[in-house]
Amino acid sequence: MNTARTFVRSLTAEERQALEKGRKSADAFTVRRSLVLLASADGLGPSAVGRLVGCTAQAVRNAIRAFEAGGLVCLTAKSHARKDPGRVWNRDRDEDLKNLLHRRPRAFGKPTSLWTLALVAEVCHEKGWTPRVLSIEAIRRALKRLGVGWHRAKHWITSPDPEYAKKKRRGTG
């Protein structure tokens, strides 16, 4: 059973006036929130308000909770921008990244001699340049911004057999 309030608390005269004004706003978010809160204050339940406004009952409950927590501030949509700046590459490390790519991964204890984006991200984190292992897309974008062309390392099939080149030409024509 849901113990959360399903109706907005009694509105003060100032709050009701602000919500009436919000109904005429140019911002659709403000209009929708104002309509939800006014309808709820008039005694309609979340499902009925949702049908009236064109949203889900859960969206109505979310609006009521936001109003209870912050008052009229809930009439303004919050930013959808990322809140943690650690997701991006620290530009102070650009030269370090370029220099890293001129060294072999084996110098950092890796079992390969070819760089991959995932391996670059891992080494950058191990060296303390990033707070976490960045995605390969974040590394790719940093390299692109630096003008570093990146192609996935290719493994070529070779053999220690001295006759390998001759046999390969015969086999492939």
Protein backbone atom coordinates (compact mmCIF):
# COMPACT_ATOMS: atom_id res chain seq x y z
CA MET A 1 0.00 0.00 0.00
CA ASN A 2 1.30 3.45 -0.93
CA THR A 3 1.64 5.63 2.16
CA ALA A 4 2.64 8.77 0.22
CA ARG A 5 0.18 11.65 0.10
CA THR A 6 -1.95 11.49 -3.00
CA PHE A 7 -3.34 15.01 -2.65
CA VAL A 8 -1.52 18.29 -2.36
CA ARG A 9 -1.76 20.04 1.01
CA SER A 10 -4.06 23.04 1.43
CA LEU A 11 -2.77 25.94 -0.64
CA THR A 12 -2.21 29.41 0.72
CA ALA A 13 -3.75 32.35 -1.16
CA GLU A 14 -0.32 33.31 -2.53
CA GLU A 15 0.37 29.75 -3.72
CA ARG A 16 -3.01 29.49 -5.43
CA GLN A 17 -2.43 32.86 -7.12
CA ALA A 18 1.03 31.75 -8.33
CA LEU A 19 -0.41 28.47 -9.67
CA GLU A 20 -3.20 30.35 -11.50
CA LYS A 21 -0.53 32.57 -13.04
CA GLY A 22 1.52 29.45 -13.90
CA ARG A 23 -1.41 28.07 -15.93
CA LYS A 24 -0.83 30.92 -18.41
CA SER A 25 2.93 30.53 -18.61
CA ALA A 26 4.77 30.15 -21.93
CA ASP A 27 6.65 27.17 -20.45
CA ALA A 28 4.77 23.89 -20.92
CA PHE A 29 6.38 22.34 -17.83
CA THR A 30 5.12 25.19 -15.63
CA VAL A 31 1.62 24.99 -17.15
CA ARG A 32 1.40 21.22 -16.60
CA ARG A 33 2.70 21.38 -13.01
CA SER A 34 0.32 24.25 -12.18
CA LEU A 35 -2.66 22.34 -13.59
CA VAL A 36 -1.68 19.19 -11.69
CA LEU A 37 -1.33 20.99 -8.37
CA LEU A 38 -4.54 23.00 -8.77
CA ALA A 39 -6.56 19.91 -9.72
CA SER A 40 -5.11 17.99 -6.79
CA ALA A 41 -5.93 20.86 -4.42
CA ASP A 42 -9.51 20.72 -5.72
CA GLY A 43 -9.74 17.10 -4.51
CA LEU A 44 -9.04 15.05 -7.65
CA GLY A 45 -6.95 11.91 -7.19
CA PRO A 46 -3.76 11.20 -9.16
CA SER A 47 -5.47 9.06 -11.83
CA ALA A 48 -8.18 11.65 -12.47
CA VAL A 49 -5.65 14.49 -12.57
CA GLY A 50 -3.48 12.47 -14.96
CA ARG A 51 -6.40 11.94 -17.34
CA LEU A 52 -7.29 15.63 -17.14
CA VAL A 53 -3.76 16.91 -17.77
CA GLY A 54 -2.56 14.11 -20.05
CA CYS A 55 0.09 12.47 -17.90
CA THR A 56 0.45 9.39 -15.74
CA ALA A 57 -0.74 9.08 -12.16
CA GLN A 58 2.91 8.60 -11.15
CA ALA A 59 3.83 11.94 -12.77
CA VAL A 60 1.07 13.54 -10.70
CA ARG A 61 2.42 11.96 -7.50
CA ASN A 62 5.92 13.16 -8.44
CA ALA A 63 4.63 16.72 -8.89
CA ILE A 64 2.88 16.60 -5.50
CA ARG A 65 6.07 15.34 -3.82
CA ALA A 66 8.12 18.06 -5.50
CA PHE A 67 5.66 20.71 -4.31
CA GLU A 68 5.68 19.32 -0.76
CA ALA A 69 9.49 19.33 -0.75
CA GLY A 70 10.21 22.67 -2.41
CA GLY A 71 7.03 24.69 -2.73
CA LEU A 72 6.56 26.84 -5.82
CA VAL A 73 10.14 26.20 -6.91
CA CYS A 74 8.83 22.93 -8.39
CA LEU A 75 7.16 24.94 -11.19
CA THR A 76 10.54 25.41 -12.85
CA ALA A 77 12.08 22.42 -14.62
CA LYS A 78 15.46 21.33 -13.31
CA SER A 79 18.51 21.15 -15.53
CA HIS A 80 19.19 17.82 -17.20
CA ALA A 81 22.91 18.57 -17.43
CA ARG A 82 25.28 16.06 -15.91
CA LYS A 83 25.97 16.77 -12.28
CA ASP A 84 29.35 15.05 -11.99
CA PRO A 85 32.15 16.79 -13.89
CA GLY A 86 34.35 13.67 -13.55
CA ARG A 87 32.89 12.22 -16.73
CA VAL A 88 34.96 14.39 -19.01
CA TRP A 89 38.64 14.33 -19.82
CA ASN A 90 40.78 16.80 -17.85
CA ARG A 91 42.31 19.02 -20.54
CA ASP A 92 45.37 19.62 -18.38
CA ARG A 93 46.35 16.04 -19.25
CA ASP A 94 46.22 16.47 -23.06
CA GLU A 95 49.99 16.39 -23.54
CA ASP A 96 50.28 13.44 -21.15
CA LEU A 97 47.75 11.55 -23.28
CA LYS A 98 49.64 12.29 -26.50
CA ASN A 99 52.93 11.18 -24.90
CA LEU A 100 51.29 8.03 -23.55
CA LEU A 101 50.37 6.91 -27.06
CA HIS A 102 54.00 7.17 -28.17
CA ARG A 103 55.00 4.53 -25.64
CA ARG A 104 54.21 0.84 -25.78
CA PRO A 105 51.54 -0.60 -23.46
CA ARG A 106 54.12 -3.14 -22.24
CA ALA A 107 55.92 -0.25 -20.53
CA PHE A 108 52.86 -0.01 -18.27
CA GLY A 109 52.75 -3.74 -17.53
CA LYS A 110 50.16 -4.61 -20.17
CA PRO A 111 50.39 -7.95 -22.03
CA THR A 112 50.15 -6.42 -25.50
CA SER A 113 52.18 -4.06 -27.64
CA LEU A 114 49.17 -2.47 -29.36
CA TRP A 115 47.00 0.28 -27.90
CA THR A 116 43.22 0.02 -27.86
CA LEU A 117 40.89 2.75 -26.63
CA ALA A 118 39.88 0.61 -23.67
CA LEU A 119 43.52 0.04 -22.78
CA VAL A 120 44.24 3.79 -22.97
CA ALA A 121 41.30 4.46 -20.64
CA GLU A 122 42.54 1.81 -18.21
CA VAL A 123 46.12 3.14 -18.12
CA CYS A 124 44.91 6.74 -17.70
CA HIS A 125 42.91 5.67 -14.67
CA GLU A 126 45.79 3.63 -13.23
CA LYS A 127 48.09 6.65 -13.56
CA GLY A 128 45.54 8.74 -11.61
CA TRP A 129 44.67 11.03 -14.53
CA THR A 130 40.95 10.17 -14.32
CA PRO A 131 38.81 9.43 -11.25
CA ARG A 132 37.41 6.32 -12.95
CA VAL A 133 37.96 4.34 -16.13
CA LEU A 134 36.45 6.48 -18.87
CA SER A 135 34.41 5.00 -21.69
CA ILE A 136 36.14 4.32 -24.99
CA GLU A 137 33.90 7.00 -26.51
CA ALA A 138 35.24 9.60 -24.06
CA ILE A 139 38.82 8.65 -24.93
CA ARG A 140 38.01 8.67 -28.67
CA ARG A 141 36.55 12.18 -28.37
CA ALA A 142 39.56 13.44 -26.43
CA LEU A 143 41.90 12.05 -29.09
CA LYS A 144 39.80 13.49 -31.90
CA ARG A 145 39.84 16.91 -30.23
CA LEU A 146 43.64 16.64 -30.00
CA GLY A 147 43.85 15.83 -33.71
CA VAL A 148 45.18 12.34 -33.06
CA GLY A 149 43.96 9.91 -35.73
CA TRP A 150 42.86 6.68 -34.19
CA HIS A 151 42.40 3.33 -35.85
CA ARG A 152 41.89 0.16 -33.94
CA ALA A 153 45.12 -1.80 -33.74
CA LYS A 154 45.15 -4.69 -36.17
CA HIS A 155 46.86 -7.98 -35.49
CA TRP A 156 48.54 -9.36 -38.58
CA ILE A 157 48.96 -13.11 -38.85
CA THR A 158 52.61 -14.05 -39.18
CA SER A 159 54.65 -17.18 -38.64
CA PRO A 160 58.20 -17.88 -37.53
CA ASP A 161 58.53 -20.25 -40.52
CA PRO A 162 61.16 -18.81 -42.93
CA GLU A 163 59.13 -20.11 -45.86
CA TYR A 164 55.91 -18.45 -44.60
CA ALA A 165 55.83 -15.61 -47.16
CA LYS A 166 56.35 -18.04 -50.07
CA LYS A 167 53.67 -20.45 -48.79
CA LYS A 168 51.23 -17.59 -48.22
CA ARG A 169 51.66 -16.28 -51.78
CA ARG A 170 51.10 -19.80 -53.16
CA GLY A 171 47.96 -20.24 -51.03
CA THR A 172 46.36 -16.92 -51.93
CA GLY A 173 47.41 -16.82 -55.56
